[in-house]
Amino acid sequence: MQIVEQNWSWMQKPANALELIEKAGRTCYKSDDRISPGTS
């Protein structure tokens, strides 16, 4: 098991709810480099 230092940051309000869900999910699983237009 790997213990990760906790952190947080303020998120801007996205244009729609799907973008917010995608941003949160990809940040959680460290795949935020795969976010691009049309992926949500």
PDB file of N, CA and C in Angstrom:
ATOM      1  N   MET A   1       0.850  -1.167   0.000  1.00  0.00           N
ATOM      2  CA  MET A   1       0.000   0.000   0.000  1.00  0.00           C
ATOM      3  C   MET A   1       0.899   1.235   0.000  1.00  0.00           C
ATOM      4  N   GLN A   2       0.496   2.224  -0.783  1.00  0.00           N
ATOM      5  CA  GLN A   2       1.245   3.472  -0.868  1.00  0.00           C
ATOM      6  C   GLN A   2       0.424   4.571  -0.205  1.00  0.00           C
ATOM      7  N   ILE A   3       1.022   5.263   0.751  1.00  0.00           N
ATOM      8  CA  ILE A   3       0.340   6.368   1.421  1.00  0.00           C
ATOM      9  C   ILE A   3       0.681   7.651   0.684  1.00  0.00           C
ATOM     10  N   VAL A   4      -0.360   8.384   0.294  1.00  0.00           N
ATOM     11  CA  VAL A   4      -0.204   9.597  -0.496  1.00  0.00           C
ATOM     12  C   VAL A   4      -0.519  10.799   0.376  1.00  0.00           C
ATOM     13  N   GLU A   5       0.302  11.823   0.295  1.00  0.00           N
ATOM     14  CA  GLU A   5       0.068  13.061   1.032  1.00  0.00           C
ATOM     15  C   GLU A   5      -1.209  13.716   0.523  1.00  0.00           C
ATOM     16  N   GLN A   6      -2.109  14.053   1.429  1.00  0.00           N
ATOM     17  CA  GLN A   6      -3.359  14.674   0.999  1.00  0.00           C
ATOM     18  C   GLN A   6      -3.144  16.125   0.601  1.00  0.00           C
ATOM     19  N   ASN A   7      -3.956  16.601  -0.330  1.00  0.00           N
ATOM     20  CA  ASN A   7      -3.924  18.004  -0.730  1.00  0.00           C
ATOM     21  C   ASN A   7      -5.271  18.373  -1.324  1.00  0.00           C
ATOM     22  N   TRP A   8      -5.463  19.627  -1.609  1.00  0.00           N
ATOM     23  CA  TRP A   8      -6.712  20.109  -2.179  1.00  0.00           C
ATOM     24  C   TRP A   8      -6.429  21.348  -3.012  1.00  0.00           C
ATOM     25  N   SER A   9      -7.386  21.694  -3.851  1.00  0.00           N
ATOM     26  CA  SER A   9      -7.286  22.934  -4.620  1.00  0.00           C
ATOM     27  C   SER A   9      -8.694  23.387  -4.986  1.00  0.00           C
ATOM     28  N   TRP A  10      -8.856  24.676  -5.184  1.00  0.00           N
ATOM     29  CA  TRP A  10     -10.142  25.225  -5.593  1.00  0.00           C
ATOM     30  C   TRP A  10     -10.361  24.915  -7.059  1.00  0.00           C
ATOM     31  N   MET A  11     -11.587  24.532  -7.415  1.00  0.00           N
ATOM     32  CA  MET A  11     -11.913  24.242  -8.804  1.00  0.00           C
ATOM     33  C   MET A  11     -12.821  25.335  -9.341  1.00  0.00           C
ATOM     34  N   GLN A  12     -12.572  25.748 -10.572  1.00  0.00           N
ATOM     35  CA  GLN A  12     -13.439  26.714 -11.229  1.00  0.00           C
ATOM     36  C   GLN A  12     -14.757  26.036 -11.587  1.00  0.00           C
ATOM     37  N   LYS A  13     -15.841  26.784 -11.599  1.00  0.00           N
ATOM     38  CA  LYS A  13     -17.129  26.229 -11.997  1.00  0.00           C
ATOM     39  C   LYS A  13     -17.083  25.954 -13.503  1.00  0.00           C
ATOM     40  N   PRO A  14     -17.263  24.695 -13.921  1.00  0.00           N
ATOM     41  CA  PRO A  14     -17.188  24.360 -15.344  1.00  0.00           C
ATOM     42  C   PRO A  14     -18.449  24.780 -16.092  1.00  0.00           C
ATOM     43  N   ALA A  15     -18.387  24.686 -17.398  1.00  0.00           N
ATOM     44  CA  ALA A  15     -19.524  25.065 -18.242  1.00  0.00           C
ATOM     45  C   ALA A  15     -20.708  24.122 -18.030  1.00  0.00           C
ATOM     46  N   ASN A  16     -20.434  22.852 -17.749  1.00  0.00           N
ATOM     47  CA  ASN A  16     -21.535  21.914 -17.497  1.00  0.00           C
ATOM     48  C   ASN A  16     -21.129  20.872 -16.461  1.00  0.00           C
ATOM     49  N   ALA A  17     -22.111  20.144 -15.976  1.00  0.00           N
ATOM     50  CA  ALA A  17     -21.884  19.170 -14.907  1.00  0.00           C
ATOM     51  C   ALA A  17     -20.993  18.012 -15.352  1.00  0.00           C
ATOM     52  N   LEU A  18     -21.081  17.603 -16.618  1.00  0.00           N
ATOM     53  CA  LEU A  18     -20.249  16.491 -17.090  1.00  0.00           C
ATOM     54  C   LEU A  18     -18.766  16.825 -17.010  1.00  0.00           C
ATOM     55  N   GLU A  19     -18.409  18.069 -17.290  1.00  0.00           N
ATOM     56  CA  GLU A  19     -17.005  18.467 -17.183  1.00  0.00           C
ATOM     57  C   GLU A  19     -16.527  18.380 -15.738  1.00  0.00           C
ATOM     58  N   LEU A  20     -17.369  18.772 -14.793  1.00  0.00           N
ATOM     59  CA  LEU A  20     -17.014  18.694 -13.379  1.00  0.00           C
ATOM     60  C   LEU A  20     -16.804  17.245 -12.951  1.00  0.00           C
ATOM     61  N   ILE A  21     -17.700  16.359 -13.367  1.00  0.00           N
ATOM     62  CA  ILE A  21     -17.582  14.941 -13.020  1.00  0.00           C
ATOM     63  C   ILE A  21     -16.318  14.343 -13.631  1.00  0.00           C
ATOM     64  N   GLU A  22     -16.035  14.672 -14.895  1.00  0.00           N
ATOM     65  CA  GLU A  22     -14.832  14.153 -15.546  1.00  0.00           C
ATOM     66  C   GLU A  22     -13.580  14.663 -14.844  1.00  0.00           C
ATOM     67  N   LYS A  23     -13.537  15.939 -14.526  1.00  0.00           N
ATOM     68  CA  LYS A  23     -12.367  16.527 -13.860  1.00  0.00           C
ATOM     69  C   LYS A  23     -12.115  15.848 -12.516  1.00  0.00           C
ATOM     70  N   ALA A  24     -13.170  15.648 -11.732  1.00  0.00           N
ATOM     71  CA  ALA A  24     -13.019  15.008 -10.422  1.00  0.00           C
ATOM     72  C   ALA A  24     -12.559  13.558 -10.560  1.00  0.00           C
ATOM     73  N   GLY A  25     -13.166  12.817 -11.468  1.00  0.00           N
ATOM     74  CA  GLY A  25     -12.800  11.415 -11.659  1.00  0.00           C
ATOM     75  C   GLY A  25     -11.388  11.233 -12.174  1.00  0.00           C
ATOM     76  N   ARG A  26     -11.010  12.020 -13.142  1.00  0.00           N
ATOM     77  CA  ARG A  26      -9.663  11.886 -13.710  1.00  0.00           C
ATOM     78  C   ARG A  26      -8.593  12.365 -12.738  1.00  0.00           C
ATOM     79  N   THR A  27      -8.909  13.362 -11.926  1.00  0.00           N
ATOM     80  CA  THR A  27      -7.956  13.809 -10.911  1.00  0.00           C
ATOM     81  C   THR A  27      -7.770  12.718  -9.862  1.00  0.00           C
ATOM     82  N   CYS A  28      -8.860  12.085  -9.473  1.00  0.00           N
ATOM     83  CA  CYS A  28      -8.821  11.011  -8.478  1.00  0.00           C
ATOM     84  C   CYS A  28      -7.938   9.855  -8.951  1.00  0.00           C
ATOM     85  N   TYR A  29      -8.055   9.495 -10.223  1.00  0.00           N
ATOM     86  CA  TYR A  29      -7.301   8.369 -10.757  1.00  0.00           C
ATOM     87  C   TYR A  29      -6.028   8.794 -11.486  1.00  0.00           C
ATOM     88  N   LYS A  30      -5.632  10.054 -11.319  1.00  0.00           N
ATOM     89  CA  LYS A  30      -4.394  10.596 -11.899  1.00  0.00           C
ATOM     90  C   LYS A  30      -4.311  10.395 -13.408  1.00  0.00           C
ATOM     91  N   SER A  31      -5.448  10.568 -14.107  1.00  0.00           N
ATOM     92  CA  SER A  31      -5.437  10.503 -15.567  1.00  0.00           C
ATOM     93  C   SER A  31      -5.889  11.844 -16.143  1.00  0.00           C
ATOM     94  N   ASP A  32      -5.613  12.927 -15.399  1.00  0.00           N
ATOM     95  CA  ASP A  32      -6.071  14.241 -15.841  1.00  0.00           C
ATOM     96  C   ASP A  32      -5.366  14.716 -17.103  1.00  0.00           C
ATOM     97  N   ASP A  33      -4.285  14.060 -17.518  1.00  0.00           N
ATOM     98  CA  ASP A  33      -3.631  14.418 -18.776  1.00  0.00           C
ATOM     99  C   ASP A  33      -4.449  13.955 -19.988  1.00  0.00           C
ATOM    100  N   ARG A  34      -5.473  13.137 -19.775  1.00  0.00           N
ATOM    101  CA  ARG A  34      -6.313  12.642 -20.869  1.00  0.00           C
ATOM    102  C   ARG A  34      -7.551  13.490 -21.100  1.00  0.00           C
ATOM    103  N   ILE A  35      -7.716  14.571 -20.350  1.00  0.00           N
ATOM    104  CA  ILE A  35      -8.863  15.455 -20.544  1.00  0.00           C
ATOM    105  C   ILE A  35      -8.649  16.258 -21.818  1.00  0.00           C
ATOM    106  N   SER A  36      -9.619  16.213 -22.708  1.00  0.00           N
ATOM    107  CA  SER A  36      -9.565  16.995 -23.938  1.00  0.00           C
ATOM    108  C   SER A  36     -10.987  17.356 -24.342  1.00  0.00           C
ATOM    109  N   PRO A  37     -11.143  18.295 -25.252  1.00  0.00           N
ATOM    110  CA  PRO A  37     -12.495  18.676 -25.675  1.00  0.00           C
ATOM    111  C   PRO A  37     -13.266  17.465 -26.212  1.00  0.00           C
ATOM    112  N   GLY A  38     -14.463  17.278 -25.723  1.00  0.00           N
ATOM    113  CA  GLY A  38     -15.303  16.190 -26.197  1.00  0.00           C
ATOM    114  C   GLY A  38     -15.173  14.881 -25.447  1.00  0.00           C
ATOM    115  N   THR A  39     -14.329  14.814 -24.410  1.00  0.00           N
ATOM    116  CA  THR A  39     -14.186  13.550 -23.686  1.00  0.00           C
ATOM    117  C   THR A  39     -15.207  13.376 -22.582  1.00  0.00           C
ATOM    118  N   SER A  40     -15.896  14.437 -22.185  1.00  0.00           N
ATOM    119  CA  SER A  40     -16.888  14.294 -21.103  1.00  0.00           C
ATOM    120  C   SER A  40     -18.257  13.976 -21.636  1.00  0.00           C
TER     121      SER A  40
END
